[in-house]
Amino acid sequence: MKKIMLALVALVTLSLTACNNKASEKVDESKKEIAEERDSKTQAYPVMEFEEKEFDFGTVEEGEVVEHTFAFTNTGDAPLIVSDATSSCGCTVPTWTKEAIAPGEKGEMLVKFNTRGKPNQQMKAVRITANTESGRETLRIKAFVNPKDSNAGSPVK
């Protein structure tokens, strides 16, 4: 029992003296200032602000190719670079401003939708990859596509 008590006292003494080293005195002040300056600076990102993020073509006839231009402004503090834009379907093709867009400047995203083989209600998404803080933006188009009359030109029986 004496050995256990002696070991316990030694352990407590050791742990109390180990915590007395005052780690704050060991911090290099110049490195602390550099870290504080680094942490105070927030990284500047471009912001892709669209006039509209969704467009409804309304009712269109099957086989038409319709298009809409989405305009956007870089309201951020860094040049905006759109690196990619893909659609949820091969019938929807986006094209965009390829140059870097300076803060305050405008750009465009043209979206073409081929309605061939797409009867009834349609909704398509265009996913944009850019150097914004989130890295992704999404646009949507929708339309009701009137199906072609499959009996047109067929002889009546």
N, C-alpha and C. Protein backbone atom coordinates (compact mmCIF):
# COMPACT_ATOMS: atom_id res chain seq x y z
N MET A 1 0.81 -1.18 0.00
CA MET A 1 0.00 0.00 0.00
C MET A 1 0.87 1.26 0.00
N LYS A 2 1.98 1.20 0.75
CA LYS A 2 2.88 2.34 0.80
C LYS A 2 3.46 2.62 -0.59
N LYS A 3 3.75 1.55 -1.33
CA LYS A 3 4.33 1.71 -2.66
C LYS A 3 3.33 2.38 -3.61
N ILE A 4 2.07 2.00 -3.51
CA ILE A 4 1.04 2.59 -4.37
C ILE A 4 0.87 4.07 -4.03
N MET A 5 0.84 4.39 -2.73
CA MET A 5 0.69 5.77 -2.31
C MET A 5 1.90 6.59 -2.75
N LEU A 6 3.10 6.05 -2.61
CA LEU A 6 4.31 6.75 -3.02
C LEU A 6 4.32 6.98 -4.54
N ALA A 7 3.88 6.00 -5.32
CA ALA A 7 3.82 6.12 -6.78
C ALA A 7 2.80 7.18 -7.18
N LEU A 8 1.67 7.21 -6.47
CA LEU A 8 0.62 8.19 -6.76
C LEU A 8 1.11 9.61 -6.47
N VAL A 9 1.81 9.81 -5.34
CA VAL A 9 2.36 11.13 -5.00
C VAL A 9 3.40 11.54 -6.03
N ALA A 10 4.23 10.62 -6.46
CA ALA A 10 5.26 10.92 -7.46
C ALA A 10 4.62 11.32 -8.79
N LEU A 11 3.56 10.64 -9.17
CA LEU A 11 2.85 10.92 -10.43
C LEU A 11 2.20 12.30 -10.38
N VAL A 12 1.56 12.63 -9.29
CA VAL A 12 0.92 13.95 -9.14
C VAL A 12 1.97 15.05 -9.16
N THR A 13 3.07 14.85 -8.45
CA THR A 13 4.14 15.85 -8.42
C THR A 13 4.73 16.05 -9.81
N LEU A 14 4.95 14.98 -10.51
CA LEU A 14 5.50 15.06 -11.86
C LEU A 14 4.56 15.80 -12.79
N SER A 15 3.28 15.50 -12.72
CA SER A 15 2.33 16.16 -13.62
C SER A 15 2.18 17.64 -13.29
N LEU A 16 2.24 18.03 -12.03
CA LEU A 16 2.14 19.44 -11.67
C LEU A 16 3.37 20.22 -12.10
N THR A 17 4.53 19.65 -11.99
CA THR A 17 5.74 20.36 -12.41
C THR A 17 5.85 20.43 -13.92
N ALA A 18 5.33 19.45 -14.62
CA ALA A 18 5.38 19.45 -16.09
C ALA A 18 4.51 20.56 -16.66
N CYS A 19 3.41 20.91 -16.00
CA CYS A 19 2.50 21.94 -16.49
C CYS A 19 2.94 23.34 -16.11
N ASN A 20 4.03 23.48 -15.41
CA ASN A 20 4.51 24.78 -14.95
C ASN A 20 5.45 25.45 -15.94
N ASN A 21 5.55 24.96 -17.16
CA ASN A 21 6.55 25.46 -18.10
C ASN A 21 6.15 26.75 -18.82
N LYS A 22 4.95 27.24 -18.67
CA LYS A 22 4.46 28.47 -19.29
C LYS A 22 4.81 28.52 -20.78
N ALA A 23 4.04 27.82 -21.54
CA ALA A 23 4.27 27.72 -22.98
C ALA A 23 4.19 29.08 -23.66
N SER A 24 3.42 30.02 -23.12
CA SER A 24 3.30 31.33 -23.76
C SER A 24 4.62 32.08 -23.78
N GLU A 25 5.52 31.80 -22.85
CA GLU A 25 6.83 32.46 -22.84
C GLU A 25 7.73 31.94 -23.94
N LYS A 26 7.44 30.77 -24.46
CA LYS A 26 8.29 30.16 -25.48
C LYS A 26 7.90 30.58 -26.90
N VAL A 27 6.76 31.29 -27.07
CA VAL A 27 6.29 31.68 -28.40
C VAL A 27 7.19 32.78 -28.94
N ASP A 28 7.66 32.60 -30.17
CA ASP A 28 8.49 33.59 -30.84
C ASP A 28 7.56 34.73 -31.30
N GLU A 29 7.77 35.93 -30.78
CA GLU A 29 6.89 37.07 -31.07
C GLU A 29 6.84 37.40 -32.56
N SER A 30 7.94 37.30 -33.28
CA SER A 30 7.92 37.64 -34.70
C SER A 30 7.05 36.65 -35.49
N LYS A 31 7.12 35.38 -35.12
CA LYS A 31 6.28 34.38 -35.80
C LYS A 31 4.82 34.59 -35.44
N LYS A 32 4.56 35.04 -34.24
CA LYS A 32 3.19 35.30 -33.81
C LYS A 32 2.60 36.44 -34.64
N GLU A 33 3.38 37.50 -34.87
CA GLU A 33 2.92 38.64 -35.67
C GLU A 33 2.65 38.22 -37.12
N ILE A 34 3.52 37.40 -37.67
CA ILE A 34 3.35 36.92 -39.04
C ILE A 34 2.07 36.11 -39.15
N ALA A 35 1.82 35.24 -38.19
CA ALA A 35 0.61 34.40 -38.20
C ALA A 35 -0.65 35.26 -38.05
N GLU A 36 -0.61 36.26 -37.20
CA GLU A 36 -1.77 37.14 -37.02
C GLU A 36 -2.06 37.93 -38.29
N GLU A 37 -1.01 38.41 -38.97
CA GLU A 37 -1.19 39.15 -40.21
C GLU A 37 -1.76 38.25 -41.30
N ARG A 38 -1.26 37.03 -41.38
CA ARG A 38 -1.75 36.06 -42.36
C ARG A 38 -3.21 35.75 -42.12
N ASP A 39 -3.58 35.54 -40.86
CA ASP A 39 -4.95 35.19 -40.53
C ASP A 39 -5.91 36.35 -40.71
N SER A 40 -5.42 37.58 -40.59
CA SER A 40 -6.29 38.74 -40.74
C SER A 40 -6.65 39.01 -42.19
N LYS A 41 -5.81 38.55 -43.12
CA LYS A 41 -6.08 38.75 -44.54
C LYS A 41 -7.00 37.63 -45.02
N THR A 42 -8.15 38.01 -45.54
CA THR A 42 -9.04 37.01 -46.12
C THR A 42 -8.74 36.94 -47.61
N GLN A 43 -8.83 35.75 -48.16
CA GLN A 43 -8.54 35.59 -49.58
C GLN A 43 -9.64 36.24 -50.40
N ALA A 44 -9.25 36.97 -51.42
CA ALA A 44 -10.20 37.65 -52.30
C ALA A 44 -10.71 36.65 -53.34
N TYR A 45 -12.02 36.60 -53.49
CA TYR A 45 -12.65 35.72 -54.48
C TYR A 45 -13.51 36.54 -55.43
N PRO A 46 -13.66 36.07 -56.66
CA PRO A 46 -14.64 36.70 -57.54
C PRO A 46 -16.04 36.21 -57.13
N VAL A 47 -17.05 37.00 -57.45
CA VAL A 47 -18.43 36.61 -57.19
C VAL A 47 -19.18 36.71 -58.51
N MET A 48 -19.81 35.61 -58.92
CA MET A 48 -20.54 35.54 -60.17
C MET A 48 -22.01 35.84 -59.88
N GLU A 49 -22.43 37.08 -60.15
CA GLU A 49 -23.79 37.49 -59.85
C GLU A 49 -24.60 37.57 -61.14
N PHE A 50 -25.62 36.69 -61.25
CA PHE A 50 -26.45 36.62 -62.44
C PHE A 50 -27.65 37.53 -62.33
N GLU A 51 -28.08 38.08 -63.47
CA GLU A 51 -29.32 38.85 -63.50
C GLU A 51 -30.50 37.91 -63.26
N GLU A 52 -30.37 36.68 -63.74
CA GLU A 52 -31.38 35.63 -63.53
C GLU A 52 -30.66 34.29 -63.56
N LYS A 53 -31.14 33.32 -62.77
CA LYS A 53 -30.52 31.99 -62.74
C LYS A 53 -31.41 30.93 -63.35
N GLU A 54 -32.62 31.32 -63.74
CA GLU A 54 -33.56 30.38 -64.36
C GLU A 54 -34.30 31.10 -65.48
N PHE A 55 -34.52 30.38 -66.59
CA PHE A 55 -35.26 30.97 -67.71
C PHE A 55 -36.27 29.95 -68.22
N ASP A 56 -37.50 30.42 -68.45
CA ASP A 56 -38.59 29.58 -68.96
C ASP A 56 -38.85 29.97 -70.41
N PHE A 57 -38.64 29.03 -71.35
CA PHE A 57 -38.90 29.29 -72.76
C PHE A 57 -40.38 29.27 -73.07
N GLY A 58 -41.19 28.81 -72.12
CA GLY A 58 -42.62 28.70 -72.35
C GLY A 58 -42.91 27.46 -73.18
N THR A 59 -43.87 27.56 -74.10
CA THR A 59 -44.23 26.43 -74.95
C THR A 59 -43.53 26.58 -76.30
N VAL A 60 -42.82 25.53 -76.70
CA VAL A 60 -42.11 25.52 -77.98
C VAL A 60 -42.47 24.23 -78.71
N GLU A 61 -42.21 24.21 -80.01
CA GLU A 61 -42.52 23.04 -80.83
C GLU A 61 -41.32 22.09 -80.86
N GLU A 62 -41.60 20.81 -80.82
CA GLU A 62 -40.53 19.82 -80.87
C GLU A 62 -39.75 19.98 -82.16
N GLY A 63 -38.43 19.94 -82.05
CA GLY A 63 -37.54 20.11 -83.20
C GLY A 63 -36.91 21.49 -83.26
N GLU A 64 -37.45 22.46 -82.52
CA GLU A 64 -36.86 23.81 -82.49
C GLU A 64 -35.58 23.81 -81.66
N VAL A 65 -34.66 24.70 -82.01
CA VAL A 65 -33.49 24.95 -81.18
C VAL A 65 -33.68 26.36 -80.62
N VAL A 66 -33.84 26.43 -79.30
CA VAL A 66 -34.04 27.72 -78.65
C VAL A 66 -32.80 28.07 -77.85
N GLU A 67 -32.58 29.36 -77.63
CA GLU A 67 -31.40 29.76 -76.87
C GLU A 67 -31.72 30.97 -75.99
N HIS A 68 -30.92 31.09 -74.93
CA HIS A 68 -31.06 32.22 -74.01
C HIS A 68 -29.67 32.60 -73.50
N THR A 69 -29.45 33.90 -73.36
CA THR A 69 -28.18 34.40 -72.84
C THR A 69 -28.37 34.84 -71.39
N PHE A 70 -27.61 34.22 -70.50
CA PHE A 70 -27.59 34.60 -69.10
C PHE A 70 -26.44 35.59 -68.91
N ALA A 71 -26.76 36.80 -68.47
CA ALA A 71 -25.73 37.81 -68.23
C ALA A 71 -25.33 37.78 -66.76
N PHE A 72 -24.05 37.99 -66.50
CA PHE A 72 -23.56 38.02 -65.13
C PHE A 72 -22.51 39.10 -64.97
N THR A 73 -22.30 39.50 -63.71
CA THR A 73 -21.29 40.51 -63.37
C THR A 73 -20.38 39.94 -62.30
N ASN A 74 -19.11 40.22 -62.39
CA ASN A 74 -18.17 39.84 -61.34
C ASN A 74 -18.22 40.93 -60.27
N THR A 75 -18.92 40.67 -59.18
CA THR A 75 -19.04 41.65 -58.10
C THR A 75 -18.03 41.39 -56.99
N GLY A 76 -17.08 40.50 -57.23
CA GLY A 76 -16.07 40.17 -56.23
C GLY A 76 -14.84 41.05 -56.33
N ASP A 77 -13.77 40.61 -55.67
CA ASP A 77 -12.53 41.39 -55.58
C ASP A 77 -11.37 40.78 -56.34
N ALA A 78 -11.64 39.79 -57.18
CA ALA A 78 -10.58 39.13 -57.95
C ALA A 78 -11.12 38.82 -59.34
N PRO A 79 -10.24 38.61 -60.32
CA PRO A 79 -10.69 38.25 -61.67
C PRO A 79 -11.45 36.91 -61.66
N LEU A 80 -12.53 36.85 -62.41
CA LEU A 80 -13.37 35.66 -62.51
C LEU A 80 -12.96 34.85 -63.73
N ILE A 81 -12.74 33.55 -63.52
CA ILE A 81 -12.39 32.66 -64.62
C ILE A 81 -13.37 31.49 -64.61
N VAL A 82 -14.13 31.35 -65.68
CA VAL A 82 -15.04 30.21 -65.84
C VAL A 82 -14.24 29.14 -66.57
N SER A 83 -13.99 28.02 -65.88
CA SER A 83 -13.16 26.98 -66.49
C SER A 83 -13.97 25.92 -67.22
N ASP A 84 -15.26 25.77 -66.86
CA ASP A 84 -16.07 24.74 -67.51
C ASP A 84 -17.55 25.03 -67.27
N ALA A 85 -18.38 24.55 -68.17
CA ALA A 85 -19.83 24.59 -68.01
C ALA A 85 -20.37 23.36 -68.71
N THR A 86 -21.13 22.55 -67.98
CA THR A 86 -21.71 21.33 -68.54
C THR A 86 -23.19 21.31 -68.24
N SER A 87 -23.93 20.59 -69.08
CA SER A 87 -25.37 20.50 -68.88
C SER A 87 -25.75 19.10 -68.45
N SER A 88 -26.98 19.00 -67.96
CA SER A 88 -27.49 17.71 -67.50
C SER A 88 -27.89 16.81 -68.65
N CYS A 89 -27.84 17.34 -69.88
CA CYS A 89 -28.26 16.56 -71.05
C CYS A 89 -27.48 17.04 -72.26
N GLY A 90 -27.23 16.16 -73.19
CA GLY A 90 -26.51 16.53 -74.41
C GLY A 90 -27.30 17.45 -75.32
N CYS A 91 -28.60 17.60 -75.06
CA CYS A 91 -29.43 18.48 -75.88
C CYS A 91 -29.26 19.95 -75.50
N THR A 92 -28.54 20.21 -74.41
CA THR A 92 -28.33 21.57 -73.92
C THR A 92 -26.84 21.88 -73.97
N VAL A 93 -26.50 22.95 -74.71
CA VAL A 93 -25.09 23.27 -74.92
C VAL A 93 -24.80 24.69 -74.45
N PRO A 94 -23.93 24.85 -73.43
CA PRO A 94 -23.55 26.19 -72.99
C PRO A 94 -22.26 26.66 -73.64
N THR A 95 -22.17 27.95 -73.93
CA THR A 95 -20.93 28.59 -74.35
C THR A 95 -20.80 29.86 -73.51
N TRP A 96 -19.57 30.27 -73.21
CA TRP A 96 -19.38 31.35 -72.25
C TRP A 96 -18.17 32.20 -72.60
N THR A 97 -18.07 33.31 -71.91
CA THR A 97 -16.93 34.22 -72.03
C THR A 97 -15.69 33.49 -71.53
N LYS A 98 -14.69 33.34 -72.38
CA LYS A 98 -13.49 32.56 -72.03
C LYS A 98 -12.42 33.40 -71.32
N GLU A 99 -12.39 34.70 -71.54
CA GLU A 99 -11.37 35.54 -70.92
C GLU A 99 -11.68 35.76 -69.44
N ALA A 100 -10.67 36.11 -68.68
CA ALA A 100 -10.87 36.47 -67.28
C ALA A 100 -11.70 37.75 -67.22
N ILE A 101 -12.64 37.77 -66.29
CA ILE A 101 -13.55 38.91 -66.15
C ILE A 101 -13.15 39.68 -64.90
N ALA A 102 -12.70 40.90 -65.09
CA ALA A 102 -12.21 41.73 -63.99
C ALA A 102 -13.35 42.11 -63.05
N PRO A 103 -13.05 42.43 -61.81
CA PRO A 103 -14.10 42.88 -60.88
C PRO A 103 -14.87 44.07 -61.48
N GLY A 104 -16.20 44.00 -61.41
CA GLY A 104 -17.06 45.04 -61.96
C GLY A 104 -17.43 44.84 -63.42
N GLU A 105 -16.76 43.92 -64.11
CA GLU A 105 -17.02 43.67 -65.53
C GLU A 105 -18.12 42.62 -65.71
N LYS A 106 -18.65 42.54 -66.94
CA LYS A 106 -19.75 41.62 -67.25
C LYS A 106 -19.29 40.49 -68.16
N GLY A 107 -20.01 39.39 -68.11
CA GLY A 107 -19.78 38.25 -68.98
C GLY A 107 -21.12 37.65 -69.37
N GLU A 108 -21.07 36.66 -70.26
CA GLU A 108 -22.30 36.02 -70.74
C GLU A 108 -22.14 34.51 -70.81
N MET A 109 -23.27 33.82 -70.61
CA MET A 109 -23.36 32.37 -70.76
C MET A 109 -24.54 32.13 -71.70
N LEU A 110 -24.26 31.67 -72.92
CA LEU A 110 -25.30 31.37 -73.90
C LEU A 110 -25.65 29.89 -73.77
N VAL A 111 -26.95 29.61 -73.60
CA VAL A 111 -27.40 28.23 -73.45
C VAL A 111 -28.37 27.92 -74.60
N LYS A 112 -28.02 26.90 -75.41
CA LYS A 112 -28.86 26.46 -76.52
C LYS A 112 -29.50 25.13 -76.13
N PHE A 113 -30.80 25.00 -76.42
CA PHE A 113 -31.56 23.79 -76.09
C PHE A 113 -32.21 23.26 -77.36
N ASN A 114 -31.84 22.04 -77.75
CA ASN A 114 -32.41 21.38 -78.93
C ASN A 114 -33.57 20.52 -78.44
N THR A 115 -34.78 20.86 -78.88
CA THR A 115 -35.99 20.18 -78.39
C THR A 115 -36.31 18.88 -79.13
N ARG A 116 -35.51 18.54 -80.15
CA ARG A 116 -35.80 17.33 -80.92
C ARG A 116 -35.76 16.09 -80.02
N GLY A 117 -36.83 15.33 -80.02
CA GLY A 117 -36.92 14.11 -79.21
C GLY A 117 -37.14 14.38 -77.73
N LYS A 118 -37.58 15.58 -77.39
CA LYS A 118 -37.79 15.95 -75.99
C LYS A 118 -39.21 16.47 -75.77
N PRO A 119 -40.24 15.66 -76.03
CA PRO A 119 -41.61 16.16 -75.85
C PRO A 119 -41.96 16.34 -74.37
N ASN A 120 -42.97 17.19 -74.14
CA ASN A 120 -43.55 17.46 -72.82
C ASN A 120 -42.67 18.40 -71.99
N GLN A 121 -42.91 18.42 -70.68
CA GLN A 121 -42.20 19.36 -69.79
C GLN A 121 -40.72 18.98 -69.68
N GLN A 122 -39.85 19.98 -69.84
CA GLN A 122 -38.41 19.76 -69.76
C GLN A 122 -37.79 20.76 -68.80
N MET A 123 -36.84 20.30 -68.00
CA MET A 123 -36.05 21.19 -67.15
C MET A 123 -34.61 20.70 -67.20
N LYS A 124 -33.71 21.60 -67.54
CA LYS A 124 -32.30 21.25 -67.69
C LYS A 124 -31.46 22.18 -66.82
N ALA A 125 -30.36 21.63 -66.31
CA ALA A 125 -29.44 22.41 -65.47
C ALA A 125 -28.10 22.56 -66.19
N VAL A 126 -27.49 23.72 -66.00
CA VAL A 126 -26.13 23.97 -66.50
C VAL A 126 -25.28 24.22 -65.27
N ARG A 127 -24.26 23.39 -65.09
CA ARG A 127 -23.36 23.51 -63.92
C ARG A 127 -22.08 24.19 -64.37
N ILE A 128 -21.77 25.27 -63.67
CA ILE A 128 -20.62 26.10 -64.03
C ILE A 128 -19.51 25.88 -63.00
N THR A 129 -18.30 25.65 -63.50
CA THR A 129 -17.13 25.55 -62.64
C THR A 129 -16.32 26.83 -62.83
N ALA A 130 -16.11 27.54 -61.72
CA ALA A 130 -15.39 28.82 -61.78
C ALA A 130 -14.55 28.97 -60.52
N ASN A 131 -13.72 30.00 -60.48
CA ASN A 131 -12.85 30.21 -59.34
C ASN A 131 -13.54 31.05 -58.24
N THR A 132 -14.85 30.89 -58.10
CA THR A 132 -15.58 31.55 -57.02
C THR A 132 -15.31 30.80 -55.72
N GLU A 133 -15.77 31.34 -54.61
CA GLU A 133 -15.50 30.71 -53.32
C GLU A 133 -16.10 29.30 -53.25
N SER A 134 -17.32 29.12 -53.77
CA SER A 134 -17.94 27.78 -53.76
C SER A 134 -17.40 26.91 -54.89
N GLY A 135 -16.95 27.53 -55.98
CA GLY A 135 -16.40 26.79 -57.11
C GLY A 135 -17.46 26.30 -58.09
N ARG A 136 -18.74 26.39 -57.72
CA ARG A 136 -19.83 25.91 -58.57
C ARG A 136 -20.99 26.88 -58.57
N GLU A 137 -21.58 27.06 -59.73
CA GLU A 137 -22.81 27.84 -59.89
C GLU A 137 -23.74 27.00 -60.76
N THR A 138 -25.04 27.22 -60.65
CA THR A 138 -26.00 26.45 -61.44
C THR A 138 -27.04 27.37 -62.06
N LEU A 139 -27.31 27.13 -63.35
CA LEU A 139 -28.37 27.82 -64.08
C LEU A 139 -29.40 26.78 -64.49
N ARG A 140 -30.65 27.20 -64.69
CA ARG A 140 -31.69 26.27 -65.10
C ARG A 140 -32.50 26.86 -66.25
N ILE A 141 -32.87 25.98 -67.18
CA ILE A 141 -33.81 26.36 -68.24
C ILE A 141 -34.96 25.38 -68.19
N LYS A 142 -36.14 25.86 -68.62
CA LYS A 142 -37.28 24.95 -68.70
C LYS A 142 -38.14 25.34 -69.88
N ALA A 143 -38.92 24.37 -70.34
CA ALA A 143 -39.81 24.59 -71.48
C ALA A 143 -40.84 23.47 -71.52
N PHE A 144 -41.99 23.79 -72.11
CA PHE A 144 -42.94 22.73 -72.44
C PHE A 144 -42.82 22.53 -73.93
N VAL A 145 -42.46 21.32 -74.34
CA VAL A 145 -42.23 21.01 -75.75
C VAL A 145 -43.46 20.29 -76.29
N ASN A 146 -44.14 20.96 -77.25
CA ASN A 146 -45.29 20.33 -77.91
C ASN A 146 -44.77 19.20 -78.79
N PRO A 147 -45.26 17.98 -78.57
CA PRO A 147 -44.77 16.87 -79.39
C PRO A 147 -45.24 17.02 -80.84
N LYS A 148 -44.41 16.55 -81.76
CA LYS A 148 -44.80 16.54 -83.17
C LYS A 148 -45.96 15.58 -83.33
N ASP A 149 -46.85 15.90 -84.24
CA ASP A 149 -47.97 15.01 -84.52
C ASP A 149 -47.43 13.82 -85.28
N SER A 150 -47.38 12.65 -84.62
CA SER A 150 -46.80 11.46 -85.26
C SER A 150 -47.68 10.91 -86.35
N ASN A 151 -48.95 11.34 -86.43
CA ASN A 151 -49.86 10.84 -87.49
C ASN A 151 -49.90 11.74 -88.70
N ALA A 152 -49.23 12.88 -88.65
CA ALA A 152 -49.26 13.82 -89.78
C ALA A 152 -48.67 13.17 -91.01
N GLY A 153 -49.37 13.29 -92.10
CA GLY A 153 -48.90 12.74 -93.38
C GLY A 153 -49.15 11.26 -93.54
N SER A 154 -49.73 10.60 -92.55
CA SER A 154 -50.03 9.17 -92.65
C SER A 154 -51.39 8.99 -93.31
N PRO A 155 -51.52 7.98 -94.11
CA PRO A 155 -52.83 7.73 -94.73
C PRO A 155 -53.84 7.31 -93.65
N VAL A 156 -55.08 7.74 -93.83
CA VAL A 156 -56.14 7.39 -92.88
C VAL A 156 -56.70 6.05 -93.27
N LYS A 157 -56.86 5.16 -92.32
CA LYS A 157 -57.36 3.82 -92.62
C LYS A 157 -58.80 3.69 -92.26
